[in-house]
């Protein structure tokens, strides 16, 4: 994909009024920066958890659906681009999915929907949804 026309790169800010959580306690502040990289995209998250503790994560790589070891852990990250507007990240440990996130650019091109797909401790599935608005 041509990065000049890629809708994902830029700065995105959480709209806390859109939080729809089926499990867990959401933080109320988050800023995502998505940057082009030579082999894919880099995702940079600056957020606060539900108790106000700052969280910072940076990850990324090729969006080719192949597993990439996460340095210093036993985890594998899989980034998959389904089409221009949809990217999924899957985290696996011991071959088992422990977290899966979908990102979708909505038709206005200035809103990104992020859905966390997970399982509660009793094994029932949950979906946590939030919207991010483009700031740059």
N, C-alpha and C. Protein backbone atom coordinates (compact mmCIF):
# COMPACT_ATOMS: atom_id res chain seq x y z
N UNK A 1 0.85 -1.19 0.00
CA UNK A 1 0.00 0.00 0.00
C UNK A 1 0.88 1.23 0.00
N UNK A 2 0.46 2.26 -0.71
CA UNK A 2 1.16 3.53 -0.76
C UNK A 2 0.89 4.27 0.55
N UNK A 3 1.96 4.58 1.30
CA UNK A 3 1.77 5.21 2.61
C UNK A 3 1.20 6.61 2.50
N UNK A 4 1.36 7.28 1.38
CA UNK A 4 0.79 8.62 1.22
C UNK A 4 -0.74 8.56 1.19
N UNK A 5 -1.31 7.45 0.74
CA UNK A 5 -2.77 7.32 0.70
C UNK A 5 -3.31 6.43 1.82
N UNK A 6 -2.42 5.91 2.65
CA UNK A 6 -2.83 5.04 3.75
C UNK A 6 -3.63 5.86 4.78
N UNK A 7 -4.85 5.43 5.13
CA UNK A 7 -5.65 6.21 6.07
C UNK A 7 -5.24 6.08 7.54
N UNK A 8 -4.36 5.13 7.88
CA UNK A 8 -4.03 4.90 9.29
C UNK A 8 -3.00 5.86 9.88
N UNK A 9 -1.89 6.20 9.20
CA UNK A 9 -0.90 7.07 9.85
C UNK A 9 -1.49 8.41 10.28
N UNK A 10 -1.02 8.85 11.44
CA UNK A 10 -1.46 10.12 12.02
C UNK A 10 -1.61 9.98 13.51
N UNK A 11 -2.18 11.00 14.11
CA UNK A 11 -2.44 11.01 15.55
C UNK A 11 -3.94 10.87 15.77
N UNK A 12 -4.29 10.03 16.73
CA UNK A 12 -5.69 9.69 17.02
C UNK A 12 -5.92 9.81 18.52
N UNK A 13 -7.00 10.48 18.91
CA UNK A 13 -7.30 10.66 20.33
C UNK A 13 -8.61 9.97 20.68
N UNK A 14 -8.60 9.25 21.80
CA UNK A 14 -9.80 8.57 22.29
C UNK A 14 -10.91 9.57 22.57
N UNK A 15 -12.11 9.24 22.11
CA UNK A 15 -13.31 9.98 22.49
C UNK A 15 -13.95 9.18 23.63
N UNK A 16 -13.74 9.58 24.89
CA UNK A 16 -14.20 8.77 26.02
C UNK A 16 -15.72 8.60 26.09
N UNK A 17 -16.48 9.46 25.41
CA UNK A 17 -17.93 9.31 25.42
C UNK A 17 -18.39 8.11 24.62
N UNK A 18 -17.49 7.51 23.82
CA UNK A 18 -17.86 6.39 22.95
C UNK A 18 -17.54 5.03 23.55
N UNK A 19 -16.94 4.99 24.72
CA UNK A 19 -16.51 3.72 25.31
C UNK A 19 -17.70 2.80 25.54
N UNK A 20 -17.59 1.59 25.04
CA UNK A 20 -18.62 0.56 25.22
C UNK A 20 -17.88 -0.71 25.63
N UNK A 21 -17.74 -0.90 26.93
CA UNK A 21 -16.97 -2.02 27.47
C UNK A 21 -17.89 -3.08 28.03
N UNK A 22 -17.68 -4.32 27.62
CA UNK A 22 -18.41 -5.45 28.17
C UNK A 22 -17.63 -6.11 29.31
N UNK A 23 -16.33 -5.77 29.41
CA UNK A 23 -15.49 -6.38 30.44
C UNK A 23 -14.33 -5.43 30.76
N UNK A 24 -14.03 -5.32 32.04
CA UNK A 24 -12.91 -4.50 32.47
C UNK A 24 -13.32 -3.05 32.68
N UNK A 25 -12.35 -2.26 33.12
CA UNK A 25 -12.55 -0.85 33.39
C UNK A 25 -11.70 -0.04 32.41
N UNK A 26 -12.32 0.78 31.58
CA UNK A 26 -11.55 1.54 30.60
C UNK A 26 -10.89 2.77 31.21
N UNK A 27 -9.74 3.11 30.65
CA UNK A 27 -9.13 4.40 30.95
C UNK A 27 -9.89 5.47 30.18
N UNK A 28 -9.74 6.70 30.58
CA UNK A 28 -10.50 7.80 29.95
C UNK A 28 -9.63 8.65 29.01
N UNK A 29 -8.32 8.37 28.94
CA UNK A 29 -7.43 9.14 28.07
C UNK A 29 -6.53 8.21 27.31
N UNK A 30 -6.45 8.42 26.00
CA UNK A 30 -5.52 7.65 25.18
C UNK A 30 -5.25 8.41 23.89
N UNK A 31 -4.00 8.39 23.47
CA UNK A 31 -3.59 8.96 22.20
C UNK A 31 -2.78 7.90 21.47
N UNK A 32 -3.20 7.61 20.26
CA UNK A 32 -2.50 6.66 19.39
C UNK A 32 -1.79 7.45 18.31
N UNK A 33 -0.53 7.17 18.10
CA UNK A 33 0.17 7.66 16.92
C UNK A 33 0.47 6.44 16.07
N UNK A 34 0.18 6.54 14.81
CA UNK A 34 0.48 5.46 13.88
C UNK A 34 1.40 6.05 12.83
N UNK A 35 2.57 5.42 12.67
CA UNK A 35 3.58 5.95 11.77
C UNK A 35 3.98 4.91 10.74
N UNK A 36 4.23 5.36 9.50
CA UNK A 36 4.74 4.42 8.50
C UNK A 36 6.13 3.94 8.89
N UNK A 37 6.42 2.69 8.60
CA UNK A 37 7.75 2.11 8.81
C UNK A 37 8.16 1.43 7.51
N UNK A 38 9.42 1.17 7.34
CA UNK A 38 9.88 0.58 6.08
C UNK A 38 9.21 -0.75 5.79
N UNK A 39 8.83 -1.48 6.83
CA UNK A 39 8.24 -2.80 6.62
C UNK A 39 6.79 -2.90 7.07
N UNK A 40 6.11 -1.78 7.32
CA UNK A 40 4.73 -1.84 7.77
C UNK A 40 4.32 -0.57 8.48
N UNK A 41 3.79 -0.70 9.69
CA UNK A 41 3.38 0.44 10.50
C UNK A 41 3.90 0.27 11.92
N UNK A 42 4.09 1.40 12.60
CA UNK A 42 4.44 1.42 14.01
C UNK A 42 3.29 2.07 14.77
N UNK A 43 2.84 1.42 15.84
CA UNK A 43 1.75 1.90 16.69
C UNK A 43 2.35 2.36 18.01
N UNK A 44 2.04 3.59 18.41
CA UNK A 44 2.57 4.17 19.64
C UNK A 44 1.38 4.62 20.47
N UNK A 45 1.21 4.01 21.63
CA UNK A 45 0.08 4.31 22.50
C UNK A 45 0.56 5.02 23.76
N UNK A 46 -0.06 6.16 24.06
CA UNK A 46 0.17 6.91 25.30
C UNK A 46 -1.21 7.03 25.95
N UNK A 47 -1.41 6.37 27.08
CA UNK A 47 -2.74 6.31 27.68
C UNK A 47 -2.64 6.27 29.19
N UNK A 48 -3.79 6.41 29.83
CA UNK A 48 -3.91 6.22 31.27
C UNK A 48 -4.86 5.06 31.48
N UNK A 49 -4.55 4.19 32.44
CA UNK A 49 -5.48 3.10 32.75
C UNK A 49 -6.63 3.67 33.60
N UNK A 50 -7.53 2.81 34.02
CA UNK A 50 -8.72 3.23 34.76
C UNK A 50 -8.38 3.90 36.10
N UNK A 51 -7.17 3.63 36.63
CA UNK A 51 -6.74 4.23 37.89
C UNK A 51 -5.84 5.44 37.69
N UNK A 52 -5.67 5.88 36.42
CA UNK A 52 -4.86 7.05 36.12
C UNK A 52 -3.38 6.77 35.93
N UNK A 53 -2.97 5.50 35.98
CA UNK A 53 -1.56 5.15 35.78
C UNK A 53 -1.23 5.24 34.29
N UNK A 54 -0.13 5.92 33.98
CA UNK A 54 0.25 6.10 32.58
C UNK A 54 0.76 4.79 31.98
N UNK A 55 0.32 4.55 30.74
CA UNK A 55 0.72 3.37 29.97
C UNK A 55 1.34 3.84 28.66
N UNK A 56 2.47 3.24 28.29
CA UNK A 56 3.11 3.56 27.02
C UNK A 56 3.51 2.25 26.35
N UNK A 57 3.05 2.05 25.12
CA UNK A 57 3.38 0.85 24.36
C UNK A 57 3.75 1.27 22.95
N UNK A 58 4.77 0.62 22.40
CA UNK A 58 5.15 0.80 21.01
C UNK A 58 5.33 -0.59 20.42
N UNK A 59 4.70 -0.83 19.28
CA UNK A 59 4.82 -2.11 18.60
C UNK A 59 4.54 -1.89 17.12
N UNK A 60 4.82 -2.88 16.33
CA UNK A 60 4.53 -2.75 14.90
C UNK A 60 5.34 -3.72 14.09
N UNK A 61 5.32 -3.49 12.78
CA UNK A 61 6.04 -4.34 11.85
C UNK A 61 5.21 -4.58 10.62
N UNK A 62 5.59 -5.62 9.87
CA UNK A 62 4.85 -5.94 8.65
C UNK A 62 3.42 -6.37 8.96
N UNK A 63 2.51 -6.02 8.06
CA UNK A 63 1.09 -6.34 8.24
C UNK A 63 0.75 -7.54 7.37
N UNK A 64 1.58 -8.58 7.48
CA UNK A 64 1.51 -9.71 6.56
C UNK A 64 0.89 -10.97 7.15
N UNK A 65 0.38 -10.89 8.39
CA UNK A 65 -0.27 -12.04 8.99
C UNK A 65 0.68 -13.09 9.55
N UNK A 66 1.98 -12.78 9.56
CA UNK A 66 2.95 -13.75 10.12
C UNK A 66 3.36 -13.34 11.52
N UNK A 67 3.62 -14.33 12.35
CA UNK A 67 4.00 -14.08 13.73
C UNK A 67 5.38 -13.46 13.86
N UNK A 68 5.48 -12.50 14.77
CA UNK A 68 6.75 -11.85 15.09
C UNK A 68 6.98 -12.01 16.59
N UNK A 69 8.11 -12.57 17.00
CA UNK A 69 8.37 -12.68 18.44
C UNK A 69 8.40 -11.29 19.09
N UNK A 70 7.86 -11.19 20.29
CA UNK A 70 7.91 -9.96 21.06
C UNK A 70 9.13 -10.06 21.97
N UNK A 71 10.08 -9.16 21.75
CA UNK A 71 11.36 -9.20 22.46
C UNK A 71 11.17 -9.27 23.97
N UNK A 72 11.92 -10.15 24.61
CA UNK A 72 11.92 -10.28 26.07
C UNK A 72 10.71 -11.00 26.64
N UNK A 73 9.89 -11.61 25.77
CA UNK A 73 8.70 -12.33 26.26
C UNK A 73 8.57 -13.65 25.51
N UNK A 74 7.57 -14.44 25.90
CA UNK A 74 7.27 -15.67 25.17
C UNK A 74 6.11 -15.46 24.20
N UNK A 75 5.77 -14.19 23.94
CA UNK A 75 4.62 -13.85 23.11
C UNK A 75 5.01 -13.69 21.64
N UNK A 76 3.99 -13.83 20.79
CA UNK A 76 4.13 -13.60 19.36
C UNK A 76 3.03 -12.63 18.95
N UNK A 77 3.40 -11.62 18.17
CA UNK A 77 2.46 -10.63 17.67
C UNK A 77 2.22 -10.89 16.18
N UNK A 78 0.96 -10.88 15.79
CA UNK A 78 0.59 -11.07 14.39
C UNK A 78 -0.20 -9.84 13.96
N UNK A 79 0.31 -9.12 12.97
CA UNK A 79 -0.38 -7.96 12.42
C UNK A 79 -0.87 -8.32 11.03
N UNK A 80 -2.15 -8.10 10.78
CA UNK A 80 -2.76 -8.48 9.50
C UNK A 80 -3.55 -7.31 8.96
N UNK A 81 -3.29 -6.98 7.71
CA UNK A 81 -4.09 -5.96 7.04
C UNK A 81 -5.05 -6.67 6.11
N UNK A 82 -6.34 -6.52 6.37
CA UNK A 82 -7.35 -7.19 5.55
C UNK A 82 -7.69 -6.40 4.30
N UNK A 83 -7.67 -5.07 4.43
CA UNK A 83 -7.90 -4.18 3.30
C UNK A 83 -7.44 -2.79 3.72
N UNK A 84 -7.68 -1.80 2.90
CA UNK A 84 -7.18 -0.46 3.17
C UNK A 84 -7.62 0.07 4.53
N UNK A 85 -8.81 -0.30 4.99
CA UNK A 85 -9.39 0.29 6.19
C UNK A 85 -9.44 -0.62 7.41
N UNK A 86 -8.87 -1.82 7.34
CA UNK A 86 -8.99 -2.78 8.45
C UNK A 86 -7.68 -3.47 8.75
N UNK A 87 -7.25 -3.34 10.00
CA UNK A 87 -6.03 -3.98 10.49
C UNK A 87 -6.38 -4.72 11.78
N UNK A 88 -5.79 -5.90 11.94
CA UNK A 88 -5.98 -6.68 13.17
C UNK A 88 -4.62 -6.98 13.78
N UNK A 89 -4.56 -6.91 15.11
CA UNK A 89 -3.36 -7.38 15.82
C UNK A 89 -3.81 -8.49 16.77
N UNK A 90 -3.04 -9.56 16.76
CA UNK A 90 -3.32 -10.72 17.60
C UNK A 90 -2.07 -11.03 18.41
N UNK A 91 -2.24 -11.21 19.71
CA UNK A 91 -1.14 -11.59 20.58
C UNK A 91 -1.36 -13.02 21.02
N UNK A 92 -0.34 -13.86 20.82
CA UNK A 92 -0.41 -15.26 21.21
C UNK A 92 0.70 -15.59 22.21
N UNK A 93 0.35 -16.50 23.12
CA UNK A 93 1.33 -17.08 24.05
C UNK A 93 1.10 -18.58 24.05
N UNK A 94 2.16 -19.33 23.85
CA UNK A 94 2.03 -20.78 23.81
C UNK A 94 1.07 -21.25 22.72
N UNK A 95 1.00 -20.51 21.61
CA UNK A 95 0.13 -20.87 20.51
C UNK A 95 -1.34 -20.51 20.71
N UNK A 96 -1.67 -19.92 21.87
CA UNK A 96 -3.06 -19.57 22.19
C UNK A 96 -3.25 -18.06 22.12
N UNK A 97 -4.34 -17.64 21.50
CA UNK A 97 -4.65 -16.21 21.42
C UNK A 97 -5.00 -15.69 22.81
N UNK A 98 -4.30 -14.63 23.24
CA UNK A 98 -4.59 -14.03 24.54
C UNK A 98 -5.21 -12.64 24.38
N UNK A 99 -5.07 -12.04 23.21
CA UNK A 99 -5.65 -10.73 22.96
C UNK A 99 -5.75 -10.51 21.46
N UNK A 100 -6.85 -9.88 21.03
CA UNK A 100 -7.04 -9.58 19.61
C UNK A 100 -7.74 -8.24 19.50
N UNK A 101 -7.20 -7.38 18.64
CA UNK A 101 -7.73 -6.04 18.46
C UNK A 101 -7.96 -5.80 16.97
N UNK A 102 -9.12 -5.24 16.63
CA UNK A 102 -9.37 -4.83 15.26
C UNK A 102 -9.44 -3.31 15.22
N UNK A 103 -8.89 -2.75 14.14
CA UNK A 103 -8.93 -1.30 13.92
C UNK A 103 -9.57 -1.06 12.57
N UNK A 104 -10.57 -0.19 12.55
CA UNK A 104 -11.27 0.09 11.29
C UNK A 104 -11.38 1.61 11.10
N UNK A 105 -10.96 2.07 9.94
CA UNK A 105 -11.16 3.46 9.58
C UNK A 105 -12.59 3.58 9.05
N UNK A 106 -13.38 4.46 9.66
CA UNK A 106 -14.77 4.63 9.28
C UNK A 106 -14.88 5.55 8.05
N UNK A 107 -16.04 5.56 7.38
CA UNK A 107 -16.17 6.29 6.11
C UNK A 107 -15.77 7.77 6.15
N UNK A 108 -15.89 8.44 7.29
CA UNK A 108 -15.49 9.86 7.34
C UNK A 108 -13.98 10.04 7.27
N UNK A 109 -13.23 8.94 7.36
CA UNK A 109 -11.75 8.90 7.30
C UNK A 109 -11.06 9.61 8.46
N UNK A 110 -11.83 10.14 9.40
CA UNK A 110 -11.28 10.82 10.56
C UNK A 110 -11.67 10.15 11.86
N UNK A 111 -12.28 8.96 11.77
CA UNK A 111 -12.67 8.19 12.95
C UNK A 111 -12.15 6.77 12.79
N UNK A 112 -11.53 6.27 13.85
CA UNK A 112 -11.04 4.89 13.87
C UNK A 112 -11.76 4.17 15.00
N UNK A 113 -12.39 3.04 14.66
CA UNK A 113 -13.04 2.19 15.66
C UNK A 113 -12.05 1.09 16.05
N UNK A 114 -11.82 0.95 17.34
CA UNK A 114 -10.96 -0.12 17.85
C UNK A 114 -11.82 -1.04 18.71
N UNK A 115 -11.76 -2.32 18.40
CA UNK A 115 -12.52 -3.32 19.17
C UNK A 115 -11.53 -4.34 19.74
N UNK A 116 -11.58 -4.52 21.05
CA UNK A 116 -10.83 -5.58 21.70
C UNK A 116 -11.73 -6.79 21.79
N UNK A 117 -11.26 -7.91 21.29
CA UNK A 117 -11.99 -9.17 21.35
C UNK A 117 -11.27 -10.05 22.37
N UNK A 118 -11.95 -10.47 23.42
CA UNK A 118 -11.28 -11.26 24.44
C UNK A 118 -12.23 -12.24 25.09
N UNK A 119 -11.73 -12.86 26.15
CA UNK A 119 -12.52 -13.83 26.89
C UNK A 119 -12.44 -13.50 28.37
N UNK A 120 -13.58 -13.53 29.03
CA UNK A 120 -13.64 -13.34 30.47
C UNK A 120 -13.03 -14.56 31.15
N UNK A 121 -12.71 -14.46 32.45
CA UNK A 121 -12.14 -15.61 33.15
C UNK A 121 -12.99 -16.89 33.04
N UNK A 122 -14.31 -16.75 32.89
CA UNK A 122 -15.16 -17.95 32.78
C UNK A 122 -15.22 -18.49 31.34
N UNK A 123 -14.49 -17.84 30.43
CA UNK A 123 -14.42 -18.32 29.04
C UNK A 123 -15.42 -17.69 28.09
N UNK A 124 -16.34 -16.87 28.59
CA UNK A 124 -17.30 -16.23 27.69
C UNK A 124 -16.63 -15.06 26.96
N UNK A 125 -16.97 -14.89 25.69
CA UNK A 125 -16.34 -13.81 24.93
C UNK A 125 -16.85 -12.44 25.31
N UNK A 126 -16.01 -11.43 25.09
CA UNK A 126 -16.43 -10.04 25.28
C UNK A 126 -15.85 -9.18 24.17
N UNK A 127 -16.48 -8.01 24.00
CA UNK A 127 -16.01 -7.00 23.05
C UNK A 127 -16.01 -5.65 23.74
N UNK A 128 -14.87 -4.98 23.70
CA UNK A 128 -14.75 -3.62 24.21
C UNK A 128 -14.49 -2.71 23.01
N UNK A 129 -15.34 -1.71 22.86
CA UNK A 129 -15.27 -0.85 21.68
C UNK A 129 -15.01 0.59 22.07
N UNK A 130 -14.20 1.28 21.26
CA UNK A 130 -13.95 2.69 21.46
C UNK A 130 -13.70 3.36 20.12
N UNK A 131 -13.95 4.67 20.06
CA UNK A 131 -13.70 5.44 18.86
C UNK A 131 -12.58 6.44 19.14
N UNK A 132 -11.73 6.58 18.15
CA UNK A 132 -10.64 7.55 18.20
C UNK A 132 -10.86 8.54 17.06
N UNK A 133 -10.59 9.82 17.34
CA UNK A 133 -10.74 10.88 16.34
C UNK A 133 -9.36 11.35 15.89
N UNK A 134 -9.22 11.56 14.58
CA UNK A 134 -7.94 12.03 14.03
C UNK A 134 -7.69 13.46 14.53
N UNK A 135 -6.46 13.68 15.01
CA UNK A 135 -6.08 15.03 15.43
C UNK A 135 -5.04 15.62 14.50
N UNK A 136 -4.34 14.77 13.74
CA UNK A 136 -3.34 15.23 12.75
C UNK A 136 -3.40 14.34 11.55
